[in-house]
Amino acid sequence: MPVYYYIVLAIALFSIGIIGVLTRRNAIIIFMCIELMLNAVNLLLVAFSKMHNLATTALNPSAATDAQVFVFFIMVVAAAEVSVGLAIIVMAYRNTHSIDVNFLNRLKN
């Protein structure tokens, strides 16, 4: 399968994520859209890694797995982000009984 298909899919996923972050008010939906954007980047990393796999394997055998290692670390950071973010959302919901982001801005005062 050509890399062009992966690029188009990643652009579509990233665009959906950006639109969701900018237009939604629900904090859980915003976190899901951020995860969607991170997964679009992961898809591109793996696609480009596979595309350049044949060229780099002859020169440096360990270079073929560099993108997969980056993807693994991105997934670990994303999991930590979700766990901390959901804990913050649960605590905010217990205090305000709402997960509306605009309502949470009022907590500054």
N, C-alpha and C. Protein backbone atom coordinates (compact mmCIF):
# COMPACT_ATOMS: atom_id res chain seq x y z
N MET A 1 0.84 -1.16 0.00
CA MET A 1 0.00 0.00 0.00
C MET A 1 0.90 1.24 0.00
N PRO A 2 0.60 2.21 -0.86
CA PRO A 2 1.45 3.41 -0.94
C PRO A 2 1.36 4.25 0.34
N VAL A 3 2.41 5.00 0.59
CA VAL A 3 2.47 5.85 1.78
C VAL A 3 1.46 7.00 1.68
N TYR A 4 1.08 7.36 0.48
CA TYR A 4 0.13 8.45 0.27
C TYR A 4 -1.18 8.18 1.02
N TYR A 5 -1.63 6.94 1.05
CA TYR A 5 -2.87 6.61 1.75
C TYR A 5 -2.74 6.87 3.25
N TYR A 6 -1.60 6.52 3.81
CA TYR A 6 -1.37 6.76 5.23
C TYR A 6 -1.30 8.26 5.54
N ILE A 7 -0.69 9.01 4.65
CA ILE A 7 -0.60 10.46 4.85
C ILE A 7 -1.98 11.09 4.83
N VAL A 8 -2.81 10.70 3.89
CA VAL A 8 -4.17 11.24 3.81
C VAL A 8 -4.98 10.85 5.04
N LEU A 9 -4.86 9.61 5.48
CA LEU A 9 -5.59 9.17 6.67
C LEU A 9 -5.10 9.92 7.91
N ALA A 10 -3.80 10.12 8.04
CA ALA A 10 -3.27 10.84 9.19
C ALA A 10 -3.70 12.30 9.18
N ILE A 11 -3.73 12.93 8.02
CA ILE A 11 -4.20 14.31 7.93
C ILE A 11 -5.67 14.40 8.31
N ALA A 12 -6.46 13.44 7.86
CA ALA A 12 -7.89 13.44 8.21
C ALA A 12 -8.09 13.26 9.71
N LEU A 13 -7.36 12.32 10.31
CA LEU A 13 -7.49 12.10 11.75
C LEU A 13 -7.04 13.32 12.54
N PHE A 14 -5.92 13.91 12.14
CA PHE A 14 -5.40 15.08 12.85
C PHE A 14 -6.36 16.25 12.72
N SER A 15 -6.95 16.42 11.54
CA SER A 15 -7.91 17.51 11.32
C SER A 15 -9.16 17.32 12.17
N ILE A 16 -9.66 16.10 12.25
CA ILE A 16 -10.81 15.82 13.11
C ILE A 16 -10.47 16.12 14.56
N GLY A 17 -9.27 15.78 14.98
CA GLY A 17 -8.84 16.07 16.34
C GLY A 17 -8.77 17.56 16.62
N ILE A 18 -8.20 18.33 15.70
CA ILE A 18 -8.10 19.78 15.89
C ILE A 18 -9.48 20.42 15.93
N ILE A 19 -10.35 20.00 15.03
CA ILE A 19 -11.71 20.55 15.02
C ILE A 19 -12.43 20.21 16.33
N GLY A 20 -12.23 19.00 16.82
CA GLY A 20 -12.86 18.60 18.08
C GLY A 20 -12.34 19.40 19.26
N VAL A 21 -11.04 19.66 19.31
CA VAL A 21 -10.47 20.43 20.41
C VAL A 21 -10.97 21.87 20.37
N LEU A 22 -11.07 22.44 19.18
CA LEU A 22 -11.45 23.85 19.07
C LEU A 22 -12.95 24.09 19.24
N THR A 23 -13.78 23.10 18.94
CA THR A 23 -15.23 23.35 18.95
C THR A 23 -15.97 22.75 20.14
N ARG A 24 -15.44 21.74 20.77
CA ARG A 24 -16.16 21.08 21.86
C ARG A 24 -15.91 21.76 23.19
N ARG A 25 -16.88 21.59 24.09
CA ARG A 25 -16.75 22.16 25.43
C ARG A 25 -16.60 21.08 26.49
N ASN A 26 -16.88 19.86 26.13
CA ASN A 26 -16.79 18.76 27.08
C ASN A 26 -15.32 18.35 27.22
N ALA A 27 -14.84 18.30 28.46
CA ALA A 27 -13.42 18.02 28.70
C ALA A 27 -13.03 16.61 28.26
N ILE A 28 -13.92 15.65 28.41
CA ILE A 28 -13.61 14.27 28.00
C ILE A 28 -13.48 14.18 26.48
N ILE A 29 -14.34 14.86 25.76
CA ILE A 29 -14.25 14.87 24.29
C ILE A 29 -12.94 15.55 23.85
N ILE A 30 -12.55 16.60 24.55
CA ILE A 30 -11.30 17.28 24.22
C ILE A 30 -10.12 16.33 24.41
N PHE A 31 -10.11 15.56 25.50
CA PHE A 31 -9.03 14.58 25.70
C PHE A 31 -9.05 13.51 24.62
N MET A 32 -10.22 13.07 24.21
CA MET A 32 -10.29 12.07 23.14
C MET A 32 -9.75 12.63 21.83
N CYS A 33 -10.01 13.90 21.55
CA CYS A 33 -9.50 14.51 20.32
C CYS A 33 -7.99 14.69 20.37
N ILE A 34 -7.45 14.98 21.54
CA ILE A 34 -6.00 15.07 21.68
C ILE A 34 -5.37 13.70 21.44
N GLU A 35 -5.98 12.66 21.96
CA GLU A 35 -5.49 11.31 21.71
C GLU A 35 -5.57 10.95 20.22
N LEU A 36 -6.62 11.41 19.55
CA LEU A 36 -6.75 11.17 18.12
C LEU A 36 -5.61 11.84 17.35
N MET A 37 -5.24 13.04 17.76
CA MET A 37 -4.13 13.73 17.10
C MET A 37 -2.81 13.00 17.36
N LEU A 38 -2.60 12.52 18.57
CA LEU A 38 -1.37 11.77 18.86
C LEU A 38 -1.31 10.47 18.05
N ASN A 39 -2.44 9.82 17.88
CA ASN A 39 -2.45 8.58 17.09
C ASN A 39 -2.22 8.86 15.61
N ALA A 40 -2.64 10.02 15.12
CA ALA A 40 -2.35 10.38 13.73
C ALA A 40 -0.84 10.56 13.53
N VAL A 41 -0.18 11.16 14.49
CA VAL A 41 1.27 11.32 14.42
C VAL A 41 1.95 9.96 14.50
N ASN A 42 1.45 9.08 15.36
CA ASN A 42 2.01 7.73 15.45
C ASN A 42 1.88 6.98 14.13
N LEU A 43 0.74 7.14 13.48
CA LEU A 43 0.53 6.49 12.19
C LEU A 43 1.55 6.97 11.16
N LEU A 44 1.80 8.27 11.14
CA LEU A 44 2.79 8.79 10.20
C LEU A 44 4.20 8.31 10.52
N LEU A 45 4.55 8.26 11.80
CA LEU A 45 5.87 7.76 12.17
C LEU A 45 6.09 6.32 11.69
N VAL A 46 5.11 5.48 11.91
CA VAL A 46 5.25 4.08 11.51
C VAL A 46 5.24 3.95 9.98
N ALA A 47 4.40 4.73 9.30
CA ALA A 47 4.35 4.67 7.84
C ALA A 47 5.67 5.10 7.21
N PHE A 48 6.23 6.19 7.70
CA PHE A 48 7.52 6.65 7.16
C PHE A 48 8.64 5.70 7.54
N SER A 49 8.54 5.08 8.69
CA SER A 49 9.54 4.10 9.08
C SER A 49 9.53 2.90 8.13
N LYS A 50 8.34 2.43 7.82
CA LYS A 50 8.24 1.30 6.88
C LYS A 50 8.68 1.70 5.48
N MET A 51 8.42 2.95 5.10
CA MET A 51 8.81 3.40 3.77
C MET A 51 10.34 3.43 3.63
N HIS A 52 11.02 3.87 4.67
CA HIS A 52 12.48 3.97 4.62
C HIS A 52 13.17 2.74 5.18
N ASN A 53 12.43 1.70 5.44
CA ASN A 53 12.98 0.48 6.05
C ASN A 53 14.02 -0.18 5.16
N LEU A 54 13.74 -0.30 3.88
CA LEU A 54 14.66 -0.99 2.98
C LEU A 54 15.97 -0.21 2.80
N ALA A 55 15.87 1.12 2.76
CA ALA A 55 17.07 1.92 2.54
C ALA A 55 17.98 1.94 3.76
N THR A 56 17.40 1.91 4.94
CA THR A 56 18.22 2.02 6.15
C THR A 56 18.69 0.68 6.68
N THR A 57 18.03 -0.41 6.30
CA THR A 57 18.41 -1.71 6.83
C THR A 57 19.80 -2.11 6.37
N ALA A 58 20.17 -1.77 5.16
CA ALA A 58 21.49 -2.14 4.66
C ALA A 58 22.60 -1.36 5.38
N LEU A 59 22.33 -0.10 5.71
CA LEU A 59 23.36 0.72 6.35
C LEU A 59 23.40 0.52 7.87
N ASN A 60 22.22 0.50 8.49
CA ASN A 60 22.15 0.41 9.94
C ASN A 60 20.92 -0.44 10.32
N PRO A 61 21.11 -1.68 10.71
CA PRO A 61 19.96 -2.54 10.98
C PRO A 61 19.06 -2.05 12.12
N SER A 62 19.60 -1.32 13.07
CA SER A 62 18.78 -0.87 14.19
C SER A 62 17.96 0.37 13.85
N ALA A 63 18.23 1.04 12.74
CA ALA A 63 17.51 2.26 12.37
C ALA A 63 16.08 1.96 11.94
N ALA A 64 15.79 0.73 11.56
CA ALA A 64 14.45 0.39 11.09
C ALA A 64 13.43 0.42 12.22
N THR A 65 13.86 0.27 13.45
CA THR A 65 12.92 0.23 14.56
C THR A 65 12.88 1.52 15.37
N ASP A 66 13.57 2.55 14.92
CA ASP A 66 13.59 3.81 15.67
C ASP A 66 12.21 4.43 15.79
N ALA A 67 11.44 4.44 14.72
CA ALA A 67 10.11 5.04 14.76
C ALA A 67 9.18 4.26 15.68
N GLN A 68 9.31 2.93 15.69
CA GLN A 68 8.47 2.14 16.59
C GLN A 68 8.79 2.44 18.05
N VAL A 69 10.04 2.71 18.36
CA VAL A 69 10.42 3.08 19.73
C VAL A 69 9.81 4.43 20.09
N PHE A 70 9.86 5.39 19.16
CA PHE A 70 9.24 6.69 19.41
C PHE A 70 7.74 6.55 19.62
N VAL A 71 7.10 5.71 18.82
CA VAL A 71 5.66 5.48 18.97
C VAL A 71 5.35 4.89 20.33
N PHE A 72 6.18 3.98 20.78
CA PHE A 72 5.96 3.38 22.10
C PHE A 72 6.04 4.45 23.20
N PHE A 73 7.04 5.32 23.13
CA PHE A 73 7.16 6.37 24.14
C PHE A 73 6.02 7.38 24.06
N ILE A 74 5.56 7.69 22.86
CA ILE A 74 4.41 8.59 22.71
C ILE A 74 3.17 7.96 23.33
N MET A 75 2.99 6.66 23.16
CA MET A 75 1.83 5.99 23.76
C MET A 75 1.93 5.96 25.28
N VAL A 76 3.13 5.80 25.82
CA VAL A 76 3.30 5.82 27.28
C VAL A 76 2.97 7.20 27.83
N VAL A 77 3.47 8.25 27.18
CA VAL A 77 3.18 9.61 27.62
C VAL A 77 1.69 9.92 27.49
N ALA A 78 1.07 9.44 26.42
CA ALA A 78 -0.36 9.67 26.24
C ALA A 78 -1.18 8.95 27.31
N ALA A 79 -0.77 7.76 27.70
CA ALA A 79 -1.47 7.05 28.76
C ALA A 79 -1.34 7.78 30.09
N ALA A 80 -0.16 8.31 30.37
CA ALA A 80 0.03 9.08 31.59
C ALA A 80 -0.79 10.37 31.56
N GLU A 81 -0.85 11.00 30.39
CA GLU A 81 -1.65 12.21 30.24
C GLU A 81 -3.12 11.94 30.49
N VAL A 82 -3.61 10.85 29.96
CA VAL A 82 -5.03 10.51 30.13
C VAL A 82 -5.33 10.20 31.59
N SER A 83 -4.45 9.48 32.27
CA SER A 83 -4.73 9.15 33.66
C SER A 83 -4.74 10.40 34.54
N VAL A 84 -3.80 11.30 34.33
CA VAL A 84 -3.78 12.54 35.11
C VAL A 84 -4.96 13.44 34.72
N GLY A 85 -5.22 13.55 33.43
CA GLY A 85 -6.32 14.39 32.96
C GLY A 85 -7.67 13.90 33.46
N LEU A 86 -7.90 12.60 33.42
CA LEU A 86 -9.17 12.08 33.91
C LEU A 86 -9.31 12.24 35.41
N ALA A 87 -8.21 12.15 36.14
CA ALA A 87 -8.26 12.40 37.59
C ALA A 87 -8.65 13.85 37.86
N ILE A 88 -8.10 14.78 37.08
CA ILE A 88 -8.46 16.19 37.25
C ILE A 88 -9.92 16.41 36.90
N ILE A 89 -10.39 15.78 35.83
CA ILE A 89 -11.80 15.93 35.44
C ILE A 89 -12.73 15.38 36.50
N VAL A 90 -12.39 14.23 37.09
CA VAL A 90 -13.23 13.64 38.13
C VAL A 90 -13.29 14.56 39.34
N MET A 91 -12.16 15.13 39.73
CA MET A 91 -12.15 16.05 40.87
C MET A 91 -12.93 17.32 40.57
N ALA A 92 -12.81 17.84 39.34
CA ALA A 92 -13.58 19.02 38.96
C ALA A 92 -15.07 18.71 38.93
N TYR A 93 -15.44 17.51 38.49
CA TYR A 93 -16.85 17.14 38.46
C TYR A 93 -17.41 17.00 39.88
N ARG A 94 -16.61 16.48 40.79
CA ARG A 94 -17.06 16.37 42.18
C ARG A 94 -17.31 17.73 42.81
N ASN A 95 -16.52 18.73 42.43
CA ASN A 95 -16.68 20.06 43.00
C ASN A 95 -17.75 20.89 42.32
N THR A 96 -17.89 20.77 40.99
CA THR A 96 -18.78 21.66 40.25
C THR A 96 -19.98 20.95 39.63
N HIS A 97 -19.99 19.63 39.59
CA HIS A 97 -21.05 18.83 38.96
C HIS A 97 -21.23 19.18 37.49
N SER A 98 -20.11 19.51 36.83
CA SER A 98 -20.12 19.81 35.40
C SER A 98 -18.73 19.55 34.85
N ILE A 99 -18.66 19.11 33.60
CA ILE A 99 -17.36 18.95 32.94
C ILE A 99 -17.24 19.89 31.75
N ASP A 100 -18.08 20.93 31.76
CA ASP A 100 -18.01 21.96 30.73
C ASP A 100 -16.76 22.81 30.96
N VAL A 101 -15.95 22.96 29.91
CA VAL A 101 -14.69 23.68 30.02
C VAL A 101 -14.93 25.15 30.33
N ASN A 102 -15.96 25.74 29.77
CA ASN A 102 -16.27 27.15 30.04
C ASN A 102 -16.65 27.36 31.51
N PHE A 103 -17.32 26.40 32.08
CA PHE A 103 -17.69 26.50 33.50
C PHE A 103 -16.45 26.38 34.39
N LEU A 104 -15.48 25.58 33.96
CA LEU A 104 -14.26 25.42 34.75
C LEU A 104 -13.40 26.68 34.73
N ASN A 105 -13.56 27.54 33.73
CA ASN A 105 -12.84 28.82 33.71
C ASN A 105 -13.26 29.72 34.86
N ARG A 106 -14.45 29.54 35.36
CA ARG A 106 -14.96 30.36 36.47
C ARG A 106 -14.28 30.01 37.78
N LEU A 107 -13.58 28.89 37.86
CA LEU A 107 -12.92 28.49 39.09
C LEU A 107 -11.67 29.31 39.37
N LYS A 108 -11.24 30.14 38.43
CA LYS A 108 -10.04 30.95 38.62
C LYS A 108 -10.22 31.97 39.73
N ASN A 109 -11.40 32.52 39.89
CA ASN A 109 -11.64 33.58 40.88
C ASN A 109 -11.68 33.06 42.28
